[in-house]
């Protein structure tokens, strides 16, 4: 039995491994650190279940009456500050738990691996906040969700569009008590790259990591930083220009092969909610942007719209035009990123040198980048950067 012919045809969602009744499929890392299904031919009975739930092979679109678009922000200022953009996730997640439901989100485990986790505890929701630009490990997440749904529990699942599509295919229509939020995706870098980054940062700062954010607002929403607090009290923050992990990500050299040929780049998703960054709040609304962050929200289903109507009191929001939002801020909804011309080479000799040497070798961070970031930090410390943003806003 063959599930995919090339790596561009596998998004790593785990639907195939989760559906196999013979336990014949295991997700295993390739040389780049990405998980792919491997079939034990002695256990496989060629039933075809795995291929039938592959979201790449069965890329469906659900019918609904009308999409609705909003620009939203949580009314909770602390939540907005701690979130990547407008903090849409936390209020809806807390509401689900109040209804006796479960929430499935992405967090770090004890070793800072990026993983999906299921919870019905509000205090654990805080770990799900914030972008994590690494492909998450889902292990048995899909099968655990199915168990919850069979026991009539409500479940809110968050993930990338391909992960949501994989879950919906896996459930094969038995998803009446499932709500899904998908996050518009630029691509997913390798966990192997993330592990190397974490290891080198620990070594450089001589300490374990206490807290890490891919998109901290330490310098404001529009100047997102990788921010790390170390157990020894040291503090690191750099923008995508000069942070090694972010430079690899936005340099289009580190994502999964399927991300550059993404089958889920379209406006209509099978989720109930689609969210993405709102960079152009002032252009869209005509109001001043306070640089705290807003979120574009597309409601993709009638069930989603009914839910949002019940939750509006927890958000600041304005109704928006879908096309204008996509044109200004949502290019990644409909277009795949283009891979760096040396992407294959980047991973081929990945283990031969340090990440800092590797980043320098492939020109992902230049002297000009370091100079620009240094100036920004000086302006930030002198409170001039925010003043300039206010003038622009």
Protein backbone atom coordinates (compact mmCIF):
# COMPACT_ATOMS: atom_id res chain seq x y z
CA UNK A 1 0.00 0.00 0.00
CA UNK A 2 1.36 3.44 -0.94
CA UNK A 3 -0.01 6.57 0.73
CA UNK A 4 2.07 9.17 -1.11
CA UNK A 5 4.49 9.14 -4.04
CA UNK A 6 6.59 12.22 -3.26
CA UNK A 7 7.22 14.19 -0.07
CA UNK A 8 5.34 17.13 -1.56
CA UNK A 9 2.23 14.93 -1.26
CA UNK A 10 2.44 14.42 2.52
CA UNK A 11 1.66 17.15 5.05
CA UNK A 12 2.38 14.96 8.10
CA UNK A 13 -1.09 15.33 9.62
CA UNK A 14 -1.10 11.73 11.06
CA UNK A 15 -4.60 10.87 9.78
CA UNK A 16 -3.33 7.75 8.01
CA UNK A 17 -1.46 6.41 11.04
CA UNK A 18 -4.40 7.21 13.33
CA UNK A 19 -7.00 5.38 11.19
CA UNK A 20 -5.04 2.15 10.72
CA UNK A 21 -6.81 -0.65 12.61
CA UNK A 22 -3.82 -2.99 12.21
CA UNK A 23 -1.29 -0.58 13.75
CA UNK A 24 0.70 -0.97 10.56
CA UNK A 25 1.65 2.70 10.14
CA UNK A 26 4.17 4.60 12.25
CA UNK A 27 5.20 8.23 11.91
CA UNK A 28 9.00 8.37 11.64
CA UNK A 29 11.47 11.22 11.14
CA UNK A 30 13.28 11.59 7.84
CA UNK A 31 16.79 13.02 7.47
CA UNK A 32 15.40 16.58 7.70
CA UNK A 33 13.51 15.86 10.92
CA UNK A 34 9.99 15.80 9.47
CA UNK A 35 7.54 13.01 10.30
CA UNK A 36 6.28 10.73 7.51
CA UNK A 37 4.15 7.56 7.63
CA UNK A 38 6.03 4.28 7.31
CA UNK A 39 4.05 1.12 6.56
CA UNK A 40 4.88 -2.27 8.04
CA UNK A 41 4.11 -4.46 5.03
CA UNK A 42 3.78 -7.56 7.20
CA UNK A 43 0.92 -5.96 9.16
CA UNK A 44 -0.72 -4.10 6.26
CA UNK A 45 -3.79 -5.80 4.71
CA UNK A 46 -4.18 -3.25 1.85
CA UNK A 47 -7.61 -2.13 3.08
CA UNK A 48 -7.07 1.39 1.74
CA UNK A 49 -8.30 3.18 4.86
CA UNK A 50 -5.11 5.24 5.11
CA UNK A 51 -5.40 6.59 1.58
CA UNK A 52 -9.11 7.29 2.04
CA UNK A 53 -8.49 9.74 4.92
CA UNK A 54 -5.47 11.52 3.41
CA UNK A 55 -6.49 15.21 3.18
CA UNK A 56 -4.12 15.75 0.24
CA UNK A 57 -5.82 12.98 -1.75
CA UNK A 58 -9.33 13.88 -0.53
CA UNK A 59 -9.15 17.67 -0.37
CA UNK A 60 -12.76 18.55 0.37
CA UNK A 61 -14.58 21.85 0.81
CA UNK A 62 -17.70 21.98 2.94
CA UNK A 63 -20.72 23.90 1.73
CA UNK A 64 -22.01 26.81 3.78
CA UNK A 65 -24.19 29.82 3.23
CA UNK A 66 -21.85 32.77 3.56
CA UNK A 67 -18.45 33.57 5.01
CA UNK A 68 -18.23 36.47 7.45
CA UNK A 69 -15.09 38.46 8.15
CA UNK A 70 -14.20 40.46 11.24
CA UNK A 71 -11.21 42.20 12.76
CA UNK A 72 -11.16 41.17 16.40
CA UNK A 73 -9.29 41.67 19.64
CA UNK A 74 -9.84 40.23 23.10
CA UNK A 75 -11.24 42.65 25.67
CA UNK A 76 -8.68 41.27 28.12
CA UNK A 77 -5.58 43.50 27.79
CA UNK A 78 -3.27 40.98 29.46
CA UNK A 79 -4.38 38.34 26.98
CA UNK A 80 -3.72 40.66 24.03
CA UNK A 81 -0.27 41.52 25.37
CA UNK A 82 0.67 37.85 25.79
CA UNK A 83 -0.81 36.74 22.44
CA UNK A 84 0.77 36.93 19.00
CA UNK A 85 -1.86 39.25 17.55
CA UNK A 86 -5.35 40.04 18.92
CA UNK A 87 -5.82 37.18 21.38
CA UNK A 88 -8.81 35.54 19.66
CA UNK A 89 -8.04 32.06 20.97
CA UNK A 90 -8.27 32.39 24.77
CA UNK A 91 -11.87 33.67 25.20
CA UNK A 92 -13.35 31.02 22.94
CA UNK A 93 -11.22 28.29 24.53
CA UNK A 94 -12.29 29.31 28.04
CA UNK A 95 -15.92 29.34 26.91
CA UNK A 96 -15.61 25.78 25.62
CA UNK A 97 -14.26 24.57 28.94
CA UNK A 98 -17.08 26.40 30.74
CA UNK A 99 -19.47 24.37 28.54
CA UNK A 100 -17.86 21.15 29.77
CA UNK A 101 -15.80 20.77 26.62
CA UNK A 102 -12.16 20.10 25.78
CA UNK A 103 -9.59 22.22 23.95
CA UNK A 104 -6.80 20.92 21.74
CA UNK A 105 -3.90 23.29 21.20
CA UNK A 106 -0.17 23.51 20.64
CA UNK A 107 2.33 23.97 23.46
CA UNK A 108 5.87 23.08 24.51
CA UNK A 109 6.59 19.90 26.44
CA UNK A 110 9.23 19.67 29.19
CA UNK A 111 12.00 19.48 26.56
CA UNK A 112 10.54 22.39 24.52
CA UNK A 113 9.33 20.07 21.77
CA UNK A 114 6.27 21.53 20.02
CA UNK A 115 3.31 19.20 20.59
CA UNK A 116 -0.48 19.07 20.42
CA UNK A 117 -2.16 18.63 23.79
CA UNK A 118 -5.75 18.09 24.98
CA UNK A 119 -7.04 19.79 28.14
CA UNK A 120 -10.19 20.75 30.02
CA UNK A 121 -8.29 22.95 32.48
CA UNK A 122 -8.34 26.70 31.99
CA UNK A 123 -4.89 27.23 33.50
CA UNK A 124 -3.33 25.06 30.79
CA UNK A 125 -4.81 27.19 28.01
CA UNK A 126 -2.17 29.85 28.60
CA UNK A 127 0.46 27.45 27.24
CA UNK A 128 -1.45 27.25 23.94
CA UNK A 129 -1.23 30.98 23.26
CA UNK A 130 1.22 32.38 20.76
CA UNK A 131 2.64 31.29 17.43
CA UNK A 132 5.06 28.37 17.32
CA UNK A 133 6.78 28.15 13.95
CA UNK A 134 7.59 24.45 14.10
CA UNK A 135 5.59 21.43 12.90
CA UNK A 136 3.85 20.04 15.97
CA UNK A 137 3.92 16.39 16.98
CA UNK A 138 0.34 15.11 17.22
CA UNK A 139 1.08 11.50 18.34
CA UNK A 140 -2.35 10.03 19.22
CA UNK A 141 -4.25 13.35 19.26
CA UNK A 142 -6.76 12.34 16.56
CA UNK A 143 -7.75 9.08 18.23
CA UNK A 144 -8.15 10.80 21.61
CA UNK A 145 -10.40 13.44 20.02
CA UNK A 146 -12.56 10.69 18.50
CA UNK A 147 -12.98 9.11 21.93
CA UNK A 148 -14.13 12.42 23.39
CA UNK A 149 -16.59 13.00 20.56
CA UNK A 150 -18.01 9.50 20.96
CA UNK A 151 -18.69 10.30 24.62
CA UNK A 152 -20.64 13.41 23.49
CA UNK A 153 -18.01 15.90 24.63
CA UNK A 154 -17.55 19.16 22.76
CA UNK A 155 -14.04 19.66 21.38
CA UNK A 156 -12.31 22.80 20.09
CA UNK A 157 -9.29 21.94 17.92
CA UNK A 158 -6.65 24.42 16.73
CA UNK A 159 -4.02 23.76 14.09
CA UNK A 160 -2.82 24.51 10.58
CA UNK A 161 -5.26 24.12 7.66
CA UNK A 162 -3.75 20.76 6.68
CA UNK A 163 -4.01 19.45 10.24
CA UNK A 164 -7.65 20.50 10.47
CA UNK A 165 -8.38 18.90 7.09
CA UNK A 166 -6.63 15.72 8.22
CA UNK A 167 -8.68 15.56 11.42
CA UNK A 168 -11.96 16.09 9.55
CA UNK A 169 -11.07 13.35 7.04
CA UNK A 170 -10.09 11.00 9.84
CA UNK A 171 -13.43 11.51 11.63
CA UNK A 172 -15.36 10.81 8.39
CA UNK A 173 -18.33 12.99 9.22
CA UNK A 174 -18.62 12.11 12.90
CA UNK A 175 -17.75 15.65 13.94
CA UNK A 176 -20.99 17.31 15.03
CA UNK A 177 -19.47 18.25 18.41
CA UNK A 178 -16.17 19.41 16.91
CA UNK A 179 -15.23 23.05 16.31
CA UNK A 180 -12.00 23.92 14.52
CA UNK A 181 -9.81 27.00 14.31
CA UNK A 182 -7.14 27.03 11.63
CA UNK A 183 -4.27 29.48 11.62
CA UNK A 184 -3.22 30.77 8.21
CA UNK A 185 0.09 29.09 7.65
CA UNK A 186 3.33 30.34 6.11
CA UNK A 187 4.86 26.86 6.39
CA UNK A 188 6.21 24.58 9.12
CA UNK A 189 9.95 24.34 9.81
CA UNK A 190 11.55 21.11 10.93
CA UNK A 191 11.60 20.07 14.61
CA UNK A 192 15.24 19.15 13.95
CA UNK A 193 16.03 22.79 13.17
CA UNK A 194 14.18 23.86 16.32
CA UNK A 195 16.14 21.39 18.47
CA UNK A 196 19.43 22.69 17.09
CA UNK A 197 18.38 26.30 17.69
CA UNK A 198 17.36 25.58 21.30
CA UNK A 199 20.60 23.70 21.96
CA UNK A 200 22.79 26.51 20.66
CA UNK A 201 20.89 29.21 22.54
CA UNK A 202 21.28 27.26 25.79
CA UNK A 203 25.00 26.92 25.16
CA UNK A 204 25.45 30.56 24.19
CA UNK A 205 23.67 31.90 27.28
CA UNK A 206 24.90 29.18 29.64
CA UNK A 207 21.46 28.33 30.94
CA UNK A 208 18.27 26.41 30.40
CA UNK A 209 15.32 28.28 28.95
CA UNK A 210 12.57 29.48 31.28
CA UNK A 211 10.19 31.00 28.71
CA UNK A 212 10.19 31.51 24.95
CA UNK A 213 7.98 33.39 22.49
CA UNK A 214 8.27 33.32 18.72
CA UNK A 215 6.41 36.60 18.33
CA UNK A 216 6.86 38.70 21.44
CA UNK A 217 5.50 42.25 21.54
CA UNK A 218 8.42 43.50 23.60
CA UNK A 219 8.96 46.14 20.86
CA UNK A 220 5.31 46.29 19.80
CA UNK A 221 3.08 44.18 17.56
CA UNK A 222 4.54 45.46 14.30
CA UNK A 223 8.12 44.67 15.40
CA UNK A 224 7.74 41.07 16.48
CA UNK A 225 10.69 39.48 18.26
CA UNK A 226 11.83 36.04 19.26
CA UNK A 227 12.09 36.55 23.01
CA UNK A 228 13.75 34.16 25.45
CA UNK A 229 14.05 34.35 29.22
CA UNK A 230 16.75 32.09 30.67
CA UNK A 231 16.79 30.53 34.11
CA UNK A 232 20.01 32.40 34.96
CA UNK A 233 18.19 35.73 34.49
CA UNK A 234 19.55 36.56 31.04
CA UNK A 235 17.18 37.99 28.47
CA UNK A 236 17.33 37.71 24.66
CA UNK A 237 15.18 39.31 21.99
CA UNK A 238 15.83 39.73 18.26
CA UNK A 239 13.59 40.34 15.26
CA UNK A 240 13.19 38.05 12.25
CA UNK A 241 16.09 39.89 10.64
CA UNK A 242 18.67 38.60 13.10
CA UNK A 243 17.18 35.67 15.02
CA UNK A 244 18.51 32.42 13.54
CA UNK A 245 15.26 30.45 13.80
CA UNK A 246 13.09 33.20 12.38
CA UNK A 247 15.61 33.98 9.64
CA UNK A 248 15.47 30.35 8.49
CA UNK A 249 11.67 30.38 8.61
CA UNK A 250 11.06 33.64 6.77
CA UNK A 251 14.00 32.95 4.47
CA UNK A 252 11.90 30.06 3.04
CA UNK A 253 14.70 27.57 3.54
CA UNK A 254 13.39 25.39 6.35
CA UNK A 255 9.75 24.38 5.82
CA UNK A 256 8.33 20.97 4.96
CA UNK A 257 8.40 20.16 1.20
CA UNK A 258 4.59 20.01 1.03
CA UNK A 259 4.37 23.58 2.34
CA UNK A 260 5.82 24.90 -0.91
CA UNK A 261 3.12 23.03 -2.84
CA UNK A 262 0.32 23.43 -0.28
CA UNK A 263 -3.02 21.93 -1.33
CA UNK A 264 -4.92 24.01 1.22
CA UNK A 265 -4.26 27.46 -0.18
CA UNK A 266 -7.79 28.67 -0.77
CA UNK A 267 -10.26 31.02 0.85
CA UNK A 268 -12.78 28.35 1.84
CA UNK A 269 -11.53 26.08 4.61
CA UNK A 270 -13.16 23.10 6.34
CA UNK A 271 -12.64 24.77 9.72
CA UNK A 272 -15.21 26.90 11.54
CA UNK A 273 -12.81 29.81 12.05
CA UNK A 274 -9.76 30.97 10.13
CA UNK A 275 -7.45 33.50 11.79
CA UNK A 276 -4.44 35.48 10.63
CA UNK A 277 -2.47 38.62 11.47
CA UNK A 278 -4.05 42.02 10.90
CA UNK A 279 -1.20 44.32 9.92
CA UNK A 280 -3.36 46.90 8.13
CA UNK A 281 -5.90 47.86 10.79
CA UNK A 282 -5.63 51.59 10.00
CA UNK A 283 -6.02 51.10 6.23
CA UNK A 284 -9.05 48.86 6.67
CA UNK A 285 -10.89 50.72 9.43
CA UNK A 286 -9.60 54.28 9.08
CA UNK A 287 -8.78 54.22 12.80
CA UNK A 288 -5.43 54.63 14.52
CA UNK A 289 -3.46 51.43 15.14
CA UNK A 290 -2.16 51.30 18.74
CA UNK A 291 0.45 48.59 17.88
CA UNK A 292 -1.03 46.16 20.41
CA UNK A 293 -2.27 43.69 17.78
CA UNK A 294 -5.48 42.74 15.98
CA UNK A 295 -6.61 39.48 14.38
CA UNK A 296 -8.35 38.87 11.08
CA UNK A 297 -11.18 36.38 11.61
CA UNK A 298 -13.05 34.57 8.83
CA UNK A 299 -16.08 32.63 10.07
CA UNK A 300 -16.25 29.61 7.79
CA UNK A 301 -19.44 27.84 8.91
CA UNK A 302 -22.92 28.45 10.24
CA UNK A 303 -21.90 26.64 13.43
CA UNK A 304 -18.97 29.02 13.74
CA UNK A 305 -21.18 32.06 13.23
CA UNK A 306 -23.65 30.91 15.88
CA UNK A 307 -20.76 30.40 18.31
CA UNK A 308 -19.20 33.80 17.58
CA UNK A 309 -22.56 35.51 18.17
CA UNK A 310 -22.51 34.09 21.71
CA UNK A 311 -18.93 35.27 22.29
CA UNK A 312 -19.01 38.80 20.91
CA UNK A 313 -19.12 40.31 24.39
CA UNK A 314 -15.56 39.06 24.96
CA UNK A 315 -14.12 40.91 21.96
CA UNK A 316 -13.63 44.28 20.40
CA UNK A 317 -14.56 43.75 16.76
CA UNK A 318 -15.54 45.37 13.49
CA UNK A 319 -17.08 43.61 10.51
CA UNK A 320 -14.70 43.63 7.57
CA UNK A 321 -14.52 42.93 3.86
CA UNK A 322 -12.98 39.51 3.21
CA UNK A 323 -11.30 40.44 -0.07
CA UNK A 324 -9.74 43.63 1.30
CA UNK A 325 -8.34 41.79 4.30
CA UNK A 326 -6.87 39.04 2.13
CA UNK A 327 -5.43 41.51 -0.38
CA UNK A 328 -3.70 43.54 2.34
CA UNK A 329 -2.69 40.91 4.89
CA UNK A 330 -3.65 37.44 3.74
CA UNK A 331 -1.49 36.48 0.77
CA UNK A 332 -0.62 33.21 2.53
CA UNK A 333 -4.28 32.16 2.47
CA UNK A 334 -4.18 31.52 -1.26
CA UNK A 335 -0.48 31.33 -2.16
CA UNK A 336 2.29 28.95 -1.13
CA UNK A 337 5.66 30.34 -0.18
CA UNK A 338 8.42 29.87 -2.76
CA UNK A 339 11.35 27.77 -1.51
CA UNK A 340 14.85 29.15 -1.20
CA UNK A 341 16.89 27.92 -4.21
CA UNK A 342 19.32 26.19 -1.83
CA UNK A 343 16.75 24.60 0.49
CA UNK A 344 17.76 21.01 -0.36
CA UNK A 345 21.42 21.86 0.15
CA UNK A 346 20.61 23.56 3.47
CA UNK A 347 19.30 20.32 4.95
CA UNK A 348 21.79 18.07 3.15
CA UNK A 349 24.76 19.48 5.07
CA UNK A 350 22.75 20.57 8.13
CA UNK A 351 24.63 18.30 10.54
CA UNK A 352 28.11 19.36 9.42
CA UNK A 353 28.28 22.73 11.23
CA UNK A 354 26.61 24.87 13.88
CA UNK A 355 23.36 26.65 13.09
CA UNK A 356 25.03 30.03 13.35
CA UNK A 357 27.62 28.94 10.80
CA UNK A 358 24.88 27.49 8.62
CA UNK A 359 22.82 30.68 8.68
CA UNK A 360 25.88 32.72 7.74
CA UNK A 361 26.83 30.28 4.98
CA UNK A 362 23.46 30.64 3.27
CA UNK A 363 23.31 34.41 3.68
CA UNK A 364 20.14 34.35 5.77
CA UNK A 365 21.39 37.12 8.08
CA UNK A 366 23.62 39.88 6.72
CA UNK A 367 25.70 42.64 8.31
CA UNK A 368 23.02 45.06 7.13
CA UNK A 369 20.39 43.09 9.06
CA UNK A 370 22.45 43.29 12.25
CA UNK A 371 22.93 47.03 11.75
CA UNK A 372 19.22 47.69 11.20
CA UNK A 373 18.26 45.66 14.27
CA UNK A 374 20.85 47.41 16.42
CA UNK A 375 19.45 50.80 15.41
CA UNK A 376 15.89 49.64 16.12
CA UNK A 377 16.85 48.50 19.61
CA UNK A 378 18.49 51.85 20.35
CA UNK A 379 15.42 53.73 19.10
CA UNK A 380 13.20 51.42 21.17
CA UNK A 381 15.18 52.04 24.36
CA UNK A 382 15.04 55.79 23.74
CA UNK A 383 11.25 55.53 23.15
CA UNK A 384 11.74 56.96 19.66
CA UNK A 385 10.62 53.80 17.83
CA UNK A 386 7.14 53.89 19.36
CA UNK A 387 6.92 57.62 18.69
CA UNK A 388 7.66 56.99 15.00
CA UNK A 389 5.04 54.23 14.88
CA UNK A 390 2.48 56.56 16.44
CA UNK A 391 3.17 59.18 13.78
CA UNK A 392 2.78 56.56 11.05
CA UNK A 393 -0.40 55.13 12.64
